[in-house]
Amino acid sequence: MTEPPKPPEAGDRLVAADRPSPPDRPSPPDRFSPPEQPVRNVSPRPHRPALPQPVTGPVRVWQGVVAFLAAAVRLASRLAALILVLYAIFTVFRANPANIWYQFVESLASPLSVGLANLFQLADVRWTTLVNYGLAALVWLIVGSVVAGLIRRAAP
């Protein structure tokens, strides 16, 4: 009869690759093998969602119209705010009221102030203009953004 095989020992090279050494007795380092790198737990890449199908027909036209209207509202509100801020800056730095550019900006800023031109009465006229027209510019920016957002939500 043949003798049964001996159980593997912790120092055997074949066993070290198949099974970790017992915790109470660490295996001796092998001089000829490279140092072990820590094993990272790499999860598989998640599945990418499918690309959206291109929209065609009347829905695409409607989306284009809505995007154009939202951009037009944003542009108009920003231009109104720019005119109001320019008038406030011209007034604070005491621009020449006889200048054609000052008169042009002043003629546009008066109706765009939406009733806020006389909201606050400060001691200095320059600071009164800066606060009131600056507040009107802020109102134009906020209202323009809100309206453009509502228009964008109208798209299917």
N, C-alpha and C. Protein backbone atom coordinates (compact mmCIF):
# COMPACT_ATOMS: atom_id res chain seq x y z
N MET A 1 0.79 -1.17 0.00
CA MET A 1 0.00 0.00 0.00
C MET A 1 0.85 1.25 0.00
N THR A 2 0.18 2.32 -0.49
CA THR A 2 0.92 3.58 -0.55
C THR A 2 0.63 4.40 0.69
N GLU A 3 1.54 5.19 0.96
CA GLU A 3 1.42 6.06 2.12
C GLU A 3 0.54 7.27 1.76
N PRO A 4 -0.36 7.75 2.65
CA PRO A 4 -1.20 8.91 2.33
C PRO A 4 -0.33 10.17 2.21
N PRO A 5 -0.76 11.12 1.38
CA PRO A 5 0.05 12.33 1.21
C PRO A 5 0.11 13.13 2.51
N LYS A 6 1.24 13.81 2.65
CA LYS A 6 1.40 14.64 3.84
C LYS A 6 0.56 15.91 3.68
N PRO A 7 0.01 16.41 4.78
CA PRO A 7 -0.71 17.68 4.66
C PRO A 7 0.27 18.81 4.34
N PRO A 8 -0.20 19.82 3.55
CA PRO A 8 0.70 20.92 3.19
C PRO A 8 1.08 21.74 4.42
N GLU A 9 2.25 22.26 4.37
CA GLU A 9 2.72 23.12 5.45
C GLU A 9 2.67 24.57 5.01
N ALA A 10 2.72 25.48 5.98
CA ALA A 10 2.57 26.90 5.69
C ALA A 10 3.71 27.45 4.85
N GLY A 11 4.88 26.90 4.92
CA GLY A 11 6.02 27.42 4.18
C GLY A 11 6.11 26.94 2.76
N ASP A 12 5.29 25.96 2.37
CA ASP A 12 5.34 25.45 1.00
C ASP A 12 4.96 26.54 0.01
N ARG A 13 5.65 26.60 -1.12
CA ARG A 13 5.38 27.65 -2.12
C ARG A 13 4.02 27.46 -2.77
N LEU A 14 3.64 26.28 -3.08
CA LEU A 14 2.36 26.05 -3.74
C LEU A 14 1.20 26.37 -2.81
N VAL A 15 1.37 26.11 -1.58
CA VAL A 15 0.30 26.35 -0.61
C VAL A 15 0.15 27.84 -0.35
N ALA A 16 1.23 28.59 -0.33
CA ALA A 16 1.18 30.02 -0.02
C ALA A 16 0.34 30.76 -1.04
N ALA A 17 0.35 30.33 -2.30
CA ALA A 17 -0.43 31.02 -3.32
C ALA A 17 -1.89 30.62 -3.24
N ASP A 18 -2.18 29.41 -2.76
CA ASP A 18 -3.56 28.94 -2.73
C ASP A 18 -4.29 29.33 -1.47
N ARG A 19 -3.61 29.38 -0.38
CA ARG A 19 -4.28 29.60 0.88
C ARG A 19 -3.43 30.53 1.73
N PRO A 20 -4.07 31.47 2.44
CA PRO A 20 -3.29 32.36 3.29
C PRO A 20 -2.72 31.60 4.48
N SER A 21 -1.63 32.12 4.99
CA SER A 21 -1.01 31.48 6.14
C SER A 21 -1.85 31.71 7.38
N PRO A 22 -1.72 30.85 8.37
CA PRO A 22 -2.50 31.03 9.60
C PRO A 22 -2.14 32.35 10.27
N PRO A 23 -3.09 32.97 10.95
CA PRO A 23 -2.83 34.28 11.53
C PRO A 23 -1.79 34.26 12.64
N ASP A 24 -1.62 33.14 13.33
CA ASP A 24 -0.66 33.14 14.42
C ASP A 24 0.78 32.98 13.96
N ARG A 25 0.99 32.48 12.75
CA ARG A 25 2.33 32.25 12.23
C ARG A 25 2.44 32.86 10.83
N PRO A 26 2.99 34.05 10.68
CA PRO A 26 3.12 34.63 9.33
C PRO A 26 4.14 33.86 8.52
N SER A 27 3.88 33.78 7.21
CA SER A 27 4.82 33.07 6.34
C SER A 27 6.05 33.93 6.11
N PRO A 28 7.19 33.29 5.95
CA PRO A 28 8.42 34.08 5.74
C PRO A 28 8.38 34.73 4.36
N PRO A 29 8.94 35.94 4.22
CA PRO A 29 8.95 36.60 2.92
C PRO A 29 9.85 35.87 1.94
N ASP A 30 9.44 35.85 0.71
CA ASP A 30 10.21 35.22 -0.36
C ASP A 30 11.10 36.28 -0.99
N ARG A 31 12.40 36.01 -1.06
CA ARG A 31 13.33 37.01 -1.59
C ARG A 31 13.18 37.20 -3.09
N PHE A 32 12.71 36.21 -3.79
CA PHE A 32 12.70 36.25 -5.24
C PHE A 32 11.40 36.76 -5.85
N SER A 33 10.38 36.89 -5.06
CA SER A 33 9.10 37.37 -5.60
C SER A 33 8.96 38.86 -5.31
N PRO A 34 8.27 39.60 -6.20
CA PRO A 34 8.08 41.04 -5.96
C PRO A 34 7.19 41.26 -4.74
N PRO A 35 7.30 42.42 -4.12
CA PRO A 35 6.45 42.69 -2.95
C PRO A 35 4.98 42.70 -3.37
N GLU A 36 4.15 42.24 -2.48
CA GLU A 36 2.72 42.15 -2.78
C GLU A 36 2.09 43.53 -2.76
N GLN A 37 1.25 43.79 -3.74
CA GLN A 37 0.50 45.03 -3.79
C GLN A 37 -0.82 44.83 -3.08
N PRO A 38 -1.31 45.85 -2.42
CA PRO A 38 -2.62 45.68 -1.77
C PRO A 38 -3.69 45.45 -2.82
N VAL A 39 -4.59 44.57 -2.52
CA VAL A 39 -5.65 44.22 -3.44
C VAL A 39 -6.78 45.24 -3.29
N ARG A 40 -7.14 45.87 -4.40
CA ARG A 40 -8.23 46.84 -4.37
C ARG A 40 -9.52 46.14 -4.75
N ASN A 41 -10.55 46.53 -4.09
CA ASN A 41 -11.85 45.97 -4.41
C ASN A 41 -12.40 46.75 -5.60
N VAL A 42 -12.31 46.20 -6.77
CA VAL A 42 -12.74 46.87 -8.00
C VAL A 42 -14.11 46.34 -8.37
N SER A 43 -15.06 47.26 -8.36
CA SER A 43 -16.40 46.85 -8.76
C SER A 43 -16.55 47.03 -10.26
N PRO A 44 -17.42 46.28 -10.87
CA PRO A 44 -17.58 46.43 -12.33
C PRO A 44 -18.17 47.79 -12.66
N ARG A 45 -17.86 48.26 -13.86
CA ARG A 45 -18.39 49.56 -14.29
C ARG A 45 -19.89 49.48 -14.44
N PRO A 46 -20.58 50.52 -13.99
CA PRO A 46 -22.03 50.49 -14.17
C PRO A 46 -22.39 50.63 -15.64
N HIS A 47 -23.54 50.15 -15.97
CA HIS A 47 -24.02 50.21 -17.35
C HIS A 47 -24.35 51.65 -17.70
N ARG A 48 -23.87 52.07 -18.86
CA ARG A 48 -24.20 53.42 -19.32
C ARG A 48 -25.62 53.44 -19.86
N PRO A 49 -26.36 54.49 -19.55
CA PRO A 49 -27.70 54.57 -20.13
C PRO A 49 -27.61 54.82 -21.63
N ALA A 50 -28.59 54.40 -22.32
CA ALA A 50 -28.61 54.59 -23.78
C ALA A 50 -28.71 56.07 -24.10
N LEU A 51 -28.12 56.46 -25.20
CA LEU A 51 -28.21 57.85 -25.63
C LEU A 51 -29.65 58.17 -26.01
N PRO A 52 -30.09 59.39 -25.69
CA PRO A 52 -31.46 59.72 -26.03
C PRO A 52 -31.64 59.76 -27.55
N GLN A 53 -32.79 59.36 -27.97
CA GLN A 53 -33.09 59.38 -29.40
C GLN A 53 -33.33 60.82 -29.83
N PRO A 54 -32.86 61.20 -31.01
CA PRO A 54 -33.09 62.57 -31.47
C PRO A 54 -34.58 62.85 -31.65
N VAL A 55 -34.96 64.04 -31.24
CA VAL A 55 -36.36 64.44 -31.33
C VAL A 55 -36.59 65.04 -32.71
N THR A 56 -37.63 64.63 -33.37
CA THR A 56 -37.93 65.15 -34.70
C THR A 56 -39.39 65.58 -34.74
N GLY A 57 -39.73 66.29 -35.80
CA GLY A 57 -41.12 66.67 -36.03
C GLY A 57 -41.52 67.92 -35.28
N PRO A 58 -42.82 68.04 -34.98
CA PRO A 58 -43.33 69.26 -34.36
C PRO A 58 -42.78 69.49 -32.95
N VAL A 59 -42.41 68.44 -32.26
CA VAL A 59 -41.87 68.61 -30.91
C VAL A 59 -40.54 69.34 -30.97
N ARG A 60 -39.72 69.02 -31.95
CA ARG A 60 -38.42 69.68 -32.10
C ARG A 60 -38.61 71.15 -32.43
N VAL A 61 -39.57 71.46 -33.28
CA VAL A 61 -39.84 72.85 -33.64
C VAL A 61 -40.30 73.62 -32.40
N TRP A 62 -41.19 73.00 -31.61
CA TRP A 62 -41.70 73.66 -30.41
C TRP A 62 -40.56 73.91 -29.42
N GLN A 63 -39.65 72.95 -29.27
CA GLN A 63 -38.52 73.13 -28.37
C GLN A 63 -37.63 74.28 -28.84
N GLY A 64 -37.45 74.40 -30.14
CA GLY A 64 -36.65 75.50 -30.67
C GLY A 64 -37.29 76.85 -30.42
N VAL A 65 -38.60 76.93 -30.59
CA VAL A 65 -39.33 78.18 -30.35
C VAL A 65 -39.24 78.56 -28.88
N VAL A 66 -39.43 77.60 -28.00
CA VAL A 66 -39.38 77.87 -26.57
C VAL A 66 -37.98 78.32 -26.16
N ALA A 67 -36.95 77.66 -26.68
CA ALA A 67 -35.57 78.05 -26.35
C ALA A 67 -35.27 79.46 -26.85
N PHE A 68 -35.77 79.79 -28.04
CA PHE A 68 -35.56 81.14 -28.57
C PHE A 68 -36.26 82.19 -27.71
N LEU A 69 -37.50 81.92 -27.32
CA LEU A 69 -38.23 82.88 -26.49
C LEU A 69 -37.56 83.08 -25.13
N ALA A 70 -37.10 82.00 -24.53
CA ALA A 70 -36.42 82.11 -23.23
C ALA A 70 -35.13 82.92 -23.36
N ALA A 71 -34.39 82.69 -24.43
CA ALA A 71 -33.16 83.45 -24.64
C ALA A 71 -33.46 84.93 -24.90
N ALA A 72 -34.54 85.21 -25.64
CA ALA A 72 -34.92 86.60 -25.91
C ALA A 72 -35.32 87.33 -24.62
N VAL A 73 -36.05 86.65 -23.75
CA VAL A 73 -36.45 87.27 -22.48
C VAL A 73 -35.22 87.53 -21.62
N ARG A 74 -34.30 86.56 -21.55
CA ARG A 74 -33.08 86.76 -20.78
C ARG A 74 -32.27 87.94 -21.31
N LEU A 75 -32.14 88.01 -22.63
CA LEU A 75 -31.37 89.10 -23.25
C LEU A 75 -32.02 90.45 -22.97
N ALA A 76 -33.33 90.54 -23.12
CA ALA A 76 -34.02 91.82 -22.90
C ALA A 76 -33.89 92.28 -21.45
N SER A 77 -34.02 91.35 -20.51
CA SER A 77 -33.92 91.74 -19.10
C SER A 77 -32.49 92.17 -18.76
N ARG A 78 -31.51 91.52 -19.34
CA ARG A 78 -30.12 91.91 -19.08
C ARG A 78 -29.78 93.25 -19.70
N LEU A 79 -30.33 93.54 -20.88
CA LEU A 79 -30.11 94.85 -21.48
C LEU A 79 -30.76 95.96 -20.66
N ALA A 80 -31.97 95.70 -20.14
CA ALA A 80 -32.63 96.69 -19.30
C ALA A 80 -31.80 96.94 -18.04
N ALA A 81 -31.28 95.88 -17.43
CA ALA A 81 -30.46 96.04 -16.22
C ALA A 81 -29.17 96.79 -16.55
N LEU A 82 -28.58 96.52 -17.71
CA LEU A 82 -27.36 97.22 -18.11
C LEU A 82 -27.61 98.71 -18.29
N ILE A 83 -28.71 99.07 -18.91
CA ILE A 83 -29.03 100.49 -19.10
C ILE A 83 -29.23 101.18 -17.76
N LEU A 84 -29.91 100.53 -16.83
CA LEU A 84 -30.13 101.12 -15.51
C LEU A 84 -28.82 101.28 -14.75
N VAL A 85 -27.96 100.30 -14.83
CA VAL A 85 -26.67 100.40 -14.13
C VAL A 85 -25.80 101.48 -14.77
N LEU A 86 -25.82 101.60 -16.10
CA LEU A 86 -25.07 102.66 -16.77
C LEU A 86 -25.54 104.04 -16.33
N TYR A 87 -26.85 104.23 -16.24
CA TYR A 87 -27.37 105.52 -15.79
C TYR A 87 -26.94 105.81 -14.35
N ALA A 88 -26.98 104.80 -13.49
CA ALA A 88 -26.56 105.00 -12.11
C ALA A 88 -25.07 105.36 -12.04
N ILE A 89 -24.26 104.69 -12.85
CA ILE A 89 -22.82 104.99 -12.86
C ILE A 89 -22.57 106.39 -13.41
N PHE A 90 -23.27 106.76 -14.48
CA PHE A 90 -23.12 108.12 -15.02
C PHE A 90 -23.46 109.16 -13.97
N THR A 91 -24.49 108.92 -13.19
CA THR A 91 -24.92 109.88 -12.19
C THR A 91 -23.93 109.93 -11.02
N VAL A 92 -23.48 108.78 -10.56
CA VAL A 92 -22.56 108.75 -9.41
C VAL A 92 -21.24 109.44 -9.75
N PHE A 93 -20.73 109.23 -10.95
CA PHE A 93 -19.47 109.85 -11.32
C PHE A 93 -19.66 111.20 -12.00
N ARG A 94 -20.84 111.76 -11.92
CA ARG A 94 -21.16 113.11 -12.41
C ARG A 94 -20.78 113.30 -13.88
N ALA A 95 -21.36 112.47 -14.72
CA ALA A 95 -21.14 112.62 -16.16
C ALA A 95 -21.78 113.92 -16.63
N ASN A 96 -21.34 114.41 -17.76
CA ASN A 96 -21.83 115.66 -18.32
C ASN A 96 -23.26 115.46 -18.82
N PRO A 97 -24.26 116.13 -18.24
CA PRO A 97 -25.65 115.96 -18.68
C PRO A 97 -25.91 116.45 -20.09
N ALA A 98 -25.03 117.25 -20.65
CA ALA A 98 -25.21 117.74 -22.02
C ALA A 98 -24.69 116.73 -23.05
N ASN A 99 -24.02 115.68 -22.62
CA ASN A 99 -23.49 114.68 -23.53
C ASN A 99 -24.63 113.87 -24.12
N ILE A 100 -24.49 113.52 -25.41
CA ILE A 100 -25.55 112.80 -26.11
C ILE A 100 -25.74 111.39 -25.54
N TRP A 101 -24.63 110.72 -25.13
CA TRP A 101 -24.74 109.38 -24.57
C TRP A 101 -25.46 109.41 -23.22
N TYR A 102 -25.16 110.41 -22.40
CA TYR A 102 -25.84 110.54 -21.12
C TYR A 102 -27.35 110.75 -21.34
N GLN A 103 -27.69 111.62 -22.27
CA GLN A 103 -29.10 111.89 -22.54
C GLN A 103 -29.81 110.65 -23.09
N PHE A 104 -29.13 109.88 -23.95
CA PHE A 104 -29.72 108.67 -24.51
C PHE A 104 -29.98 107.64 -23.41
N VAL A 105 -28.98 107.41 -22.57
CA VAL A 105 -29.15 106.42 -21.49
C VAL A 105 -30.20 106.90 -20.49
N GLU A 106 -30.24 108.19 -20.21
CA GLU A 106 -31.24 108.74 -19.29
C GLU A 106 -32.65 108.57 -19.85
N SER A 107 -32.81 108.78 -21.16
CA SER A 107 -34.14 108.64 -21.77
C SER A 107 -34.61 107.18 -21.75
N LEU A 108 -33.69 106.22 -21.82
CA LEU A 108 -34.06 104.81 -21.74
C LEU A 108 -34.27 104.36 -20.29
N ALA A 109 -33.50 104.91 -19.36
CA ALA A 109 -33.55 104.46 -17.97
C ALA A 109 -34.82 104.91 -17.26
N SER A 110 -35.36 106.05 -17.64
CA SER A 110 -36.55 106.55 -16.94
C SER A 110 -37.73 105.58 -17.02
N PRO A 111 -38.13 105.09 -18.20
CA PRO A 111 -39.25 104.14 -18.22
C PRO A 111 -38.89 102.75 -17.69
N LEU A 112 -37.61 102.40 -17.73
CA LEU A 112 -37.20 101.07 -17.27
C LEU A 112 -37.09 100.98 -15.75
N SER A 113 -37.21 102.09 -15.05
CA SER A 113 -37.04 102.06 -13.59
C SER A 113 -38.23 101.43 -12.88
N VAL A 114 -39.30 101.10 -13.59
CA VAL A 114 -40.51 100.44 -13.10
C VAL A 114 -41.00 101.02 -11.77
N GLY A 115 -40.99 102.33 -11.64
CA GLY A 115 -41.52 102.99 -10.46
C GLY A 115 -40.58 102.98 -9.26
N LEU A 116 -39.38 102.54 -9.41
CA LEU A 116 -38.45 102.49 -8.29
C LEU A 116 -37.49 103.68 -8.25
N ALA A 117 -37.66 104.64 -9.16
CA ALA A 117 -36.74 105.77 -9.22
C ALA A 117 -36.85 106.67 -8.00
N ASN A 118 -37.98 106.70 -7.33
CA ASN A 118 -38.17 107.56 -6.15
C ASN A 118 -38.46 106.75 -4.89
N LEU A 119 -38.00 105.51 -4.84
CA LEU A 119 -38.30 104.66 -3.70
C LEU A 119 -37.59 105.14 -2.44
N PHE A 120 -36.31 105.41 -2.51
CA PHE A 120 -35.54 105.90 -1.37
C PHE A 120 -35.10 107.34 -1.63
N GLN A 121 -35.12 108.15 -0.58
CA GLN A 121 -34.65 109.53 -0.66
C GLN A 121 -33.48 109.68 0.31
N LEU A 122 -32.28 109.66 -0.21
CA LEU A 122 -31.08 109.79 0.61
C LEU A 122 -30.60 111.25 0.58
N ALA A 123 -29.60 111.55 1.39
CA ALA A 123 -29.11 112.93 1.50
C ALA A 123 -28.44 113.38 0.20
N ASP A 124 -27.74 112.51 -0.47
CA ASP A 124 -27.04 112.86 -1.70
C ASP A 124 -27.80 112.29 -2.90
N VAL A 125 -28.01 113.11 -3.91
CA VAL A 125 -28.76 112.69 -5.10
C VAL A 125 -28.04 111.56 -5.82
N ARG A 126 -26.71 111.58 -5.81
CA ARG A 126 -25.96 110.53 -6.50
C ARG A 126 -26.22 109.16 -5.88
N TRP A 127 -26.20 109.09 -4.56
CA TRP A 127 -26.42 107.81 -3.90
C TRP A 127 -27.88 107.38 -4.00
N THR A 128 -28.80 108.35 -4.03
CA THR A 128 -30.21 108.02 -4.23
C THR A 128 -30.40 107.36 -5.58
N THR A 129 -29.78 107.93 -6.61
CA THR A 129 -29.88 107.36 -7.96
C THR A 129 -29.25 105.98 -8.01
N LEU A 130 -28.10 105.82 -7.38
CA LEU A 130 -27.41 104.52 -7.39
C LEU A 130 -28.27 103.44 -6.72
N VAL A 131 -28.85 103.75 -5.57
CA VAL A 131 -29.64 102.75 -4.86
C VAL A 131 -30.93 102.43 -5.62
N ASN A 132 -31.66 103.45 -6.04
CA ASN A 132 -32.95 103.22 -6.69
C ASN A 132 -32.81 102.54 -8.05
N TYR A 133 -31.90 103.01 -8.88
CA TYR A 133 -31.74 102.40 -10.20
C TYR A 133 -31.02 101.05 -10.11
N GLY A 134 -30.14 100.89 -9.13
CA GLY A 134 -29.52 99.59 -8.90
C GLY A 134 -30.55 98.56 -8.47
N LEU A 135 -31.50 98.97 -7.62
CA LEU A 135 -32.57 98.07 -7.21
C LEU A 135 -33.47 97.70 -8.39
N ALA A 136 -33.74 98.68 -9.25
CA ALA A 136 -34.55 98.40 -10.44
C ALA A 136 -33.82 97.42 -11.36
N ALA A 137 -32.50 97.56 -11.48
CA ALA A 137 -31.72 96.62 -12.31
C ALA A 137 -31.78 95.21 -11.72
N LEU A 138 -31.72 95.12 -10.41
CA LEU A 138 -31.82 93.81 -9.75
C LEU A 138 -33.19 93.18 -9.99
N VAL A 139 -34.23 93.99 -9.94
CA VAL A 139 -35.58 93.48 -10.21
C VAL A 139 -35.68 92.96 -11.64
N TRP A 140 -35.10 93.69 -12.60
CA TRP A 140 -35.13 93.23 -13.99
C TRP A 140 -34.41 91.89 -14.15
N LEU A 141 -33.26 91.73 -13.48
CA LEU A 141 -32.53 90.48 -13.60
C LEU A 141 -33.30 89.31 -12.99
N ILE A 142 -33.89 89.53 -11.82
CA ILE A 142 -34.62 88.45 -11.15
C ILE A 142 -35.87 88.07 -11.94
N VAL A 143 -36.65 89.06 -12.32
CA VAL A 143 -37.89 88.79 -13.06
C VAL A 143 -37.58 88.16 -14.42
N GLY A 144 -36.54 88.62 -15.10
CA GLY A 144 -36.16 88.03 -16.38
C GLY A 144 -35.75 86.58 -16.26
N SER A 145 -35.01 86.25 -15.21
CA SER A 145 -34.61 84.85 -15.00
C SER A 145 -35.79 83.96 -14.68
N VAL A 146 -36.70 84.46 -13.86
CA VAL A 146 -37.88 83.67 -13.49
C VAL A 146 -38.76 83.43 -14.72
N VAL A 147 -39.01 84.48 -15.50
CA VAL A 147 -39.87 84.32 -16.69
C VAL A 147 -39.20 83.40 -17.71
N ALA A 148 -37.90 83.53 -17.91
CA ALA A 148 -37.21 82.63 -18.86
C ALA A 148 -37.29 81.19 -18.37
N GLY A 149 -37.17 80.97 -17.08
CA GLY A 149 -37.30 79.61 -16.55
C GLY A 149 -38.69 79.04 -16.74
N LEU A 150 -39.70 79.88 -16.55
CA LEU A 150 -41.08 79.42 -16.78
C LEU A 150 -41.32 79.11 -18.25
N ILE A 151 -40.74 79.89 -19.13
CA ILE A 151 -40.90 79.62 -20.56
C ILE A 151 -40.21 78.31 -20.92
N ARG A 152 -39.02 78.08 -20.36
CA ARG A 152 -38.30 76.84 -20.65
C ARG A 152 -39.07 75.61 -20.17
N ARG A 153 -39.81 75.74 -19.09
CA ARG A 153 -40.58 74.61 -18.58
C ARG A 153 -41.79 74.30 -19.47
N ALA A 154 -42.14 75.22 -20.34
CA ALA A 154 -43.27 74.99 -21.23
C ALA A 154 -42.92 74.01 -22.35
N ALA A 155 -41.62 73.75 -22.53
CA ALA A 155 -41.22 72.82 -23.59
C ALA A 155 -41.54 71.40 -23.17
N PRO A 156 -41.98 70.56 -24.12
CA PRO A 156 -42.30 69.17 -23.77
C PRO A 156 -41.07 68.36 -23.44
